[in-house]
Amino acid sequence: GSGYFFGMDVFHQLHCLDYLRKKTTLYSHLYPPEESKAEDEQIPPEFHIPHCIDSIRLSLQCHADLSLIPQRWADGWLEPWAVWTNKHMCRNFDAIRDWAQSN
């Protein structure tokens, strides 16, 4: 057709996160190359990994989460440690995915 094709960046970010998880975790042996998506293998890892890291970095910087993280001091620690009990107001990801699939 004469139109344009677009993808939503959130799905690219999730792809990159999944790709990095598969390539860099202690469990990477569970994801042999022959089970990877064909498009993932078209780009050599030495290019794909830095691309994904930079893409996720850029997304984090552009959409910086300003939620406050409580900190507590612990005996014997030189610095306070994070208490991961803060709440986030999230977008409805199911609605985003449903919209993307229907358009």
Protein backbone atom coordinates (compact mmCIF):
# COMPACT_ATOMS: atom_id res chain seq x y z
CA GLY A 1 0.00 0.00 0.00
CA SER A 2 0.89 3.65 0.02
CA GLY A 3 0.72 4.07 3.79
CA TYR A 4 3.37 3.94 6.46
CA PHE A 5 4.16 1.10 8.83
CA PHE A 6 4.84 1.92 12.48
CA GLY A 7 5.61 0.01 15.63
CA MET A 8 5.22 1.28 19.18
CA ASP A 9 8.49 1.86 21.00
CA VAL A 10 7.24 0.13 24.16
CA PHE A 11 7.27 -3.18 22.27
CA HIS A 12 10.78 -2.48 20.99
CA GLN A 13 11.92 -1.79 24.57
CA LEU A 14 10.35 -5.05 25.76
CA HIS A 15 11.99 -6.90 22.87
CA CYS A 16 15.37 -5.44 23.83
CA LEU A 17 14.92 -6.28 27.50
CA ASP A 18 13.98 -9.85 26.63
CA TYR A 19 16.89 -10.14 24.18
CA LEU A 20 19.36 -8.90 26.84
CA ARG A 21 17.86 -11.27 29.41
CA LYS A 22 18.35 -14.21 27.08
CA LYS A 23 21.90 -13.21 26.11
CA THR A 24 23.31 -12.13 29.47
CA THR A 25 21.72 -14.09 32.31
CA LEU A 26 23.09 -17.08 34.10
CA TYR A 27 20.38 -19.01 32.30
CA SER A 28 21.34 -18.02 28.76
CA HIS A 29 22.09 -21.68 28.05
CA LEU A 30 18.31 -22.25 28.24
CA TYR A 31 17.89 -20.11 25.12
CA PRO A 32 19.95 -21.74 22.39
CA PRO A 33 20.31 -19.72 19.16
CA GLU A 34 18.17 -22.13 17.17
CA GLU A 35 15.21 -21.25 19.42
CA SER A 36 15.69 -17.50 19.00
CA LYS A 37 13.51 -15.51 16.67
CA ALA A 38 14.96 -15.32 13.19
CA GLU A 39 15.08 -11.51 13.25
CA ASP A 40 17.15 -11.56 16.46
CA GLU A 41 19.82 -13.63 14.75
CA GLN A 42 20.01 -11.39 11.66
CA ILE A 43 21.82 -8.75 13.72
CA PRO A 44 25.11 -9.95 15.27
CA PRO A 45 25.07 -9.78 19.11
CA GLU A 46 28.05 -7.39 19.13
CA PHE A 47 25.76 -4.82 17.48
CA HIS A 48 22.39 -5.89 18.87
CA ILE A 49 23.42 -5.85 22.56
CA PRO A 50 24.86 -2.27 22.56
CA HIS A 51 21.87 -1.09 20.50
CA CYS A 52 19.44 -2.53 23.05
CA ILE A 53 21.33 -1.16 26.05
CA ASP A 54 21.40 2.31 24.50
CA SER A 55 17.77 2.15 23.46
CA ILE A 56 16.65 1.21 26.99
CA ARG A 57 18.93 3.88 28.48
CA LEU A 58 17.41 6.52 26.23
CA SER A 59 13.88 5.44 27.11
CA LEU A 60 14.67 5.55 30.84
CA GLN A 61 16.16 9.02 30.53
CA CYS A 62 13.36 10.36 28.35
CA HIS A 63 10.61 8.93 30.56
CA ALA A 64 12.39 9.32 33.88
CA ASP A 65 10.40 7.84 36.77
CA LEU A 66 10.47 10.45 39.52
CA SER A 67 8.91 8.19 42.17
CA LEU A 68 10.63 8.58 45.51
CA ILE A 69 12.33 5.50 46.95
CA PRO A 70 12.44 5.41 50.76
CA GLN A 71 15.87 4.76 52.26
CA ARG A 72 16.77 3.26 55.64
CA TRP A 73 19.98 3.04 57.56
CA ALA A 74 21.11 -0.39 58.71
CA ASP A 75 23.65 -1.16 61.41
CA GLY A 76 27.08 -1.65 59.89
CA TRP A 77 26.19 -0.20 56.50
CA LEU A 78 28.04 2.84 55.20
CA GLU A 79 25.07 4.01 53.13
CA PRO A 80 21.31 3.72 53.47
CA TRP A 81 19.57 0.95 51.54
CA ALA A 82 16.44 1.20 49.43
CA VAL A 83 13.09 0.03 50.73
CA TRP A 84 11.18 -1.12 47.66
CA THR A 85 7.68 -0.48 48.99
CA ASN A 86 6.82 2.59 46.94
CA LYS A 87 3.73 2.57 44.73
CA HIS A 88 3.67 3.47 41.07
CA MET A 89 0.85 4.79 38.93
CA CYS A 90 1.10 2.65 35.83
CA ARG A 91 -0.47 2.92 32.43
CA ASN A 92 -2.92 0.18 31.52
CA PHE A 93 -0.58 -2.04 29.52
CA ASP A 94 -3.37 -4.42 28.50
CA ALA A 95 -5.21 -1.48 26.90
CA ILE A 96 -2.01 -0.40 25.11
CA ARG A 97 -1.42 -3.91 23.76
CA ASP A 98 -5.07 -4.31 22.74
CA TRP A 99 -5.03 -0.98 20.90
CA ALA A 100 -1.76 -1.86 19.12
CA GLN A 101 -3.13 -5.23 18.02
CA SER A 102 -6.35 -3.70 16.66
CA ASN A 103 -4.61 -0.93 14.71
